Amino acid sequence: MTAVDAIEIETGARPTGAVIWMHGLGADGHDFEPIVPEIVGPDERPLRFVFPHAPARPVTINGGYVMRAWYDITGIDRHSAQDETGIRASDAIVRALIRRENERGIASNRIVLAGFSQGGAMALFTGTRYPERLAGIMGLSCYMLLEPTFDAERSAANQKTPIFLAHGTQDGVVHPTLGEETRQRLEKAGYAVEWRTYPMPHSVCPQEIAHIAAWLRKVLP
């Protein structure tokens, strides 16, 4: 995969900010494409949405079936081994996407990293470790990756970056407890987290989309 293997949507001419949004396991960059008109109106500041495609790889939890995934998953719980090699390779992809926006004239402090499920986990992983200040970090229905390395690797540059976390209370894929533990871990480390829960499964809902739109207006005014 290269840094340009992504769907791009610009909501107006000469975007003044960018949202790099990673999809969940088995989806692709088209997954959240339809919600762009719901979170940025035609008369608002122009933004560029970048929806990258994860590489295709065998996924252990799905019987080794090859699908788009940011990293392999052996199990969704605190005790399952994590694919550090895959996580760090995808971290490099996300960082390349940030640099590409920089080259196109959008400073890092006008870039939001966002994602759903394992894409949200990647947004948190890269966002908290990135050496330049970002506009915001958004993780939907996700969890923290490589938590034992977090304190040693997190960057002071994004200590005060706003974080939006949301989770469905009926999520049967990524248990709500994992989202709550992620919120607590980030808040304990001093991050400002906007935490939202919704009566939904592993998905998004209209109320959540409205809250995302409002949060984006705050971090990318």
Protein backbone atom coordinates (compact mmCIF):
# COMPACT_ATOMS: atom_id res chain seq x y z
CA MET A 1 0.00 0.00 0.00
CA THR A 2 1.10 3.54 -0.72
CA ALA A 3 0.07 6.73 1.03
CA VAL A 4 -2.22 7.65 -1.87
CA ASP A 5 -4.27 4.41 -1.77
CA ALA A 6 -7.30 6.20 -0.40
CA ILE A 7 -10.67 7.71 -1.21
CA GLU A 8 -10.65 11.52 -1.01
CA ILE A 9 -13.59 13.90 -0.68
CA GLU A 10 -13.23 17.66 -0.56
CA THR A 11 -16.24 19.56 0.75
CA GLY A 12 -15.18 22.75 -0.98
CA ALA A 13 -12.38 24.44 -2.88
CA ARG A 14 -9.01 24.89 -1.15
CA PRO A 15 -9.59 22.81 2.02
CA THR A 16 -8.39 24.42 5.25
CA GLY A 17 -8.23 21.18 7.21
CA ALA A 18 -8.16 17.42 6.76
CA VAL A 19 -9.70 14.38 8.41
CA ILE A 20 -7.83 11.09 7.93
CA TRP A 21 -10.39 8.39 8.77
CA MET A 22 -9.48 4.70 9.08
CA HIS A 23 -12.14 2.04 8.50
CA GLY A 24 -12.83 -1.07 10.55
CA LEU A 25 -11.89 -4.69 9.99
CA GLY A 26 -12.98 -6.10 6.63
CA ALA A 27 -14.32 -2.78 5.32
CA ASP A 28 -12.51 -0.31 3.04
CA GLY A 29 -12.12 3.39 2.46
CA HIS A 30 -15.64 3.68 1.08
CA ASP A 31 -17.20 2.68 4.42
CA PHE A 32 -17.68 6.17 5.90
CA GLU A 33 -17.72 8.07 2.62
CA PRO A 34 -21.55 8.55 2.72
CA ILE A 35 -21.58 10.44 6.03
CA VAL A 36 -19.41 13.35 4.86
CA PRO A 37 -22.43 15.50 3.81
CA GLU A 38 -23.97 14.82 7.23
CA ILE A 39 -21.00 16.21 9.18
CA VAL A 40 -19.92 19.13 6.97
CA GLY A 41 -22.50 21.42 5.41
CA PRO A 42 -22.05 23.09 2.00
CA ASP A 43 -21.63 26.53 3.59
CA GLU A 44 -19.08 25.47 6.20
CA ARG A 45 -15.27 25.64 6.07
CA PRO A 46 -13.95 23.32 3.34
CA LEU A 47 -12.32 20.10 4.55
CA ARG A 48 -10.56 17.21 2.85
CA PHE A 49 -11.61 13.74 4.02
CA VAL A 50 -9.07 11.00 3.38
CA PHE A 51 -10.37 7.44 3.73
CA PRO A 52 -7.41 5.08 3.25
CA HIS A 53 -7.75 1.39 2.39
CA ALA A 54 -6.03 -0.94 4.84
CA PRO A 55 -3.78 -3.64 3.35
CA ALA A 56 -5.27 -7.09 2.78
CA ARG A 57 -3.95 -9.70 5.23
CA PRO A 58 -4.99 -12.99 6.85
CA VAL A 59 -6.95 -12.34 10.06
CA THR A 60 -6.61 -15.01 12.74
CA ILE A 61 -9.89 -14.28 14.52
CA ASN A 62 -11.70 -14.88 11.20
CA GLY A 63 -10.06 -18.22 10.51
CA GLY A 64 -7.16 -16.78 8.55
CA TYR A 65 -9.45 -15.31 5.90
CA VAL A 66 -7.72 -12.56 3.91
CA MET A 67 -9.41 -9.16 4.27
CA ARG A 68 -8.55 -5.53 4.67
CA ALA A 69 -7.14 -5.04 8.16
CA TRP A 70 -4.78 -2.58 9.80
CA TYR A 71 -3.28 -5.46 11.80
CA ASP A 72 -4.00 -9.09 12.60
CA ILE A 73 -6.41 -9.83 15.46
CA THR A 74 -6.18 -13.01 17.53
CA GLY A 75 -8.93 -12.00 19.96
CA ILE A 76 -10.76 -8.93 21.26
CA ASP A 77 -9.88 -8.87 24.94
CA ARG A 78 -7.12 -7.54 27.17
CA HIS A 79 -5.28 -10.86 27.24
CA SER A 80 -5.01 -11.62 23.51
CA ALA A 81 -1.62 -11.22 21.86
CA GLN A 82 -1.39 -8.10 19.70
CA ASP A 83 0.15 -7.89 16.25
CA GLU A 84 2.82 -5.31 17.03
CA THR A 85 4.46 -5.68 13.61
CA GLY A 86 1.18 -4.98 11.81
CA ILE A 87 0.26 -2.14 14.15
CA ARG A 88 3.57 -0.37 13.61
CA ALA A 89 3.42 -0.90 9.85
CA SER A 90 -0.01 0.75 9.77
CA ASP A 91 1.27 3.52 12.03
CA ALA A 92 3.82 4.25 9.30
CA ILE A 93 0.99 4.43 6.73
CA VAL A 94 -0.97 6.92 8.84
CA ARG A 95 2.12 9.05 9.40
CA ALA A 96 2.76 9.07 5.64
CA LEU A 97 -0.81 10.29 5.09
CA ILE A 98 -0.26 13.13 7.57
CA ARG A 99 2.95 14.14 5.81
CA ARG A 100 1.16 14.07 2.47
CA GLU A 101 -1.39 16.57 3.78
CA ASN A 102 1.48 18.73 5.08
CA GLU A 103 2.98 18.70 1.58
CA ARG A 104 -0.37 19.83 0.18
CA GLY A 105 -0.43 22.84 2.49
CA ILE A 106 -2.39 21.59 5.51
CA ALA A 107 -0.45 21.90 8.76
CA SER A 108 -0.55 19.06 11.28
CA ASN A 109 -2.57 21.22 13.70
CA ARG A 110 -5.34 21.29 11.08
CA ILE A 111 -5.48 17.50 10.75
CA VAL A 112 -7.80 15.15 12.64
CA LEU A 113 -7.05 11.43 12.91
CA ALA A 114 -10.25 9.40 13.10
CA GLY A 115 -11.35 5.81 12.83
CA PHE A 116 -13.88 3.11 13.63
CA SER A 117 -13.10 -0.10 15.53
CA GLN A 118 -9.53 -1.15 14.67
CA GLY A 119 -9.31 2.03 12.59
CA GLY A 120 -10.15 4.00 15.72
CA ALA A 121 -7.54 2.05 17.63
CA MET A 122 -5.00 3.13 15.00
CA ALA A 123 -6.12 6.78 15.26
CA LEU A 124 -5.47 6.66 19.01
CA PHE A 125 -2.17 4.83 18.59
CA THR A 126 -0.68 7.21 16.03
CA GLY A 127 -2.35 10.35 17.36
CA THR A 128 -1.02 10.07 20.91
CA ARG A 129 2.47 9.20 19.65
CA TYR A 130 2.74 11.72 16.80
CA PRO A 131 5.54 14.29 17.37
CA GLU A 132 3.58 17.29 16.03
CA ARG A 133 0.38 18.76 17.42
CA LEU A 134 -2.77 17.50 15.69
CA ALA A 135 -6.19 19.18 15.65
CA GLY A 136 -7.94 16.21 17.21
CA ILE A 137 -8.16 12.44 17.61
CA MET A 138 -11.41 10.51 17.20
CA GLY A 139 -11.91 6.86 18.10
CA LEU A 140 -15.29 5.20 17.52
CA SER A 141 -16.11 1.82 19.10
CA CYS A 142 -12.43 1.11 19.70
CA TYR A 143 -9.74 0.34 22.28
CA MET A 144 -6.12 1.04 23.15
CA LEU A 145 -3.32 -0.80 21.36
CA LEU A 146 0.02 -1.82 22.92
CA GLU A 147 -0.96 -0.22 26.22
CA PRO A 148 2.30 -1.26 27.97
CA THR A 149 4.29 0.98 25.59
CA PHE A 150 1.92 3.96 25.89
CA ASP A 151 3.66 5.91 28.65
CA ALA A 152 7.10 5.52 27.10
CA GLU A 153 6.02 6.34 23.54
CA ARG A 154 3.33 9.01 23.82
CA SER A 155 4.32 12.46 22.61
CA ALA A 156 4.03 15.63 24.66
CA ALA A 157 3.03 17.41 21.43
CA ASN A 158 -0.47 15.88 21.62
CA GLN A 159 -0.94 15.86 25.38
CA LYS A 160 -3.58 18.60 25.10
CA THR A 161 -5.10 17.50 21.78
CA PRO A 162 -8.88 17.01 22.09
CA ILE A 163 -9.98 13.35 21.92
CA PHE A 164 -13.49 12.18 21.01
CA LEU A 165 -14.37 8.63 22.06
CA ALA A 166 -17.74 7.00 21.44
CA HIS A 167 -19.08 3.48 22.01
CA GLY A 168 -22.30 1.53 21.71
CA THR A 169 -23.63 0.11 24.96
CA GLN A 170 -24.83 -2.97 23.05
CA ASP A 171 -21.54 -3.58 21.22
CA GLY A 172 -21.00 -7.33 20.94
CA VAL A 173 -17.76 -7.04 18.93
CA VAL A 174 -15.67 -4.58 20.96
CA HIS A 175 -17.14 -4.82 24.45
CA PRO A 176 -18.11 -1.42 25.94
CA THR A 177 -15.79 -2.15 28.86
CA LEU A 178 -12.80 -1.84 26.50
CA GLY A 179 -13.94 1.60 25.44
CA GLU A 180 -14.49 2.68 29.03
CA GLU A 181 -11.05 1.39 30.06
CA THR A 182 -9.48 3.31 27.17
CA ARG A 183 -11.23 6.50 28.29
CA GLN A 184 -10.04 6.01 31.87
CA ARG A 185 -6.48 5.28 30.77
CA LEU A 186 -6.32 8.43 28.65
CA GLU A 187 -7.88 10.61 31.32
CA LYS A 188 -5.49 9.22 33.93
CA ALA A 189 -2.65 10.32 31.62
CA GLY A 190 -4.10 13.84 31.51
CA TYR A 191 -5.86 13.86 28.12
CA ALA A 192 -9.08 15.82 27.57
CA VAL A 193 -11.60 13.19 26.43
CA GLU A 194 -15.14 13.81 25.23
CA TRP A 195 -16.84 10.48 25.96
CA ARG A 196 -20.17 9.48 24.42
CA THR A 197 -22.20 6.27 24.61
CA TYR A 198 -25.22 5.30 22.56
CA PRO A 199 -27.79 2.45 22.76
CA MET A 200 -26.44 0.71 19.64
CA PRO A 201 -24.36 -2.32 18.61
CA HIS A 202 -20.97 -2.17 16.82
CA SER A 203 -21.99 0.62 14.46
CA VAL A 204 -22.72 4.33 14.26
CA CYS A 205 -26.03 6.11 14.79
CA PRO A 206 -27.55 9.48 13.77
CA GLN A 207 -27.06 11.03 17.22
CA GLU A 208 -23.39 10.03 17.16
CA ILE A 209 -22.94 11.57 13.70
CA ALA A 210 -24.45 14.83 14.99
CA HIS A 211 -22.03 14.81 17.93
CA ILE A 212 -19.09 14.13 15.58
CA ALA A 213 -20.10 17.08 13.41
CA ALA A 214 -20.28 19.38 16.46
CA TRP A 215 -16.90 18.18 17.74
CA LEU A 216 -15.26 18.68 14.34
CA ARG A 217 -16.53 22.26 14.27
CA LYS A 218 -14.76 22.86 17.58
CA VAL A 219 -11.41 21.30 16.66
CA LEU A 220 -11.41 22.43 13.01
CA PRO A 221 -13.19 25.79 13.16
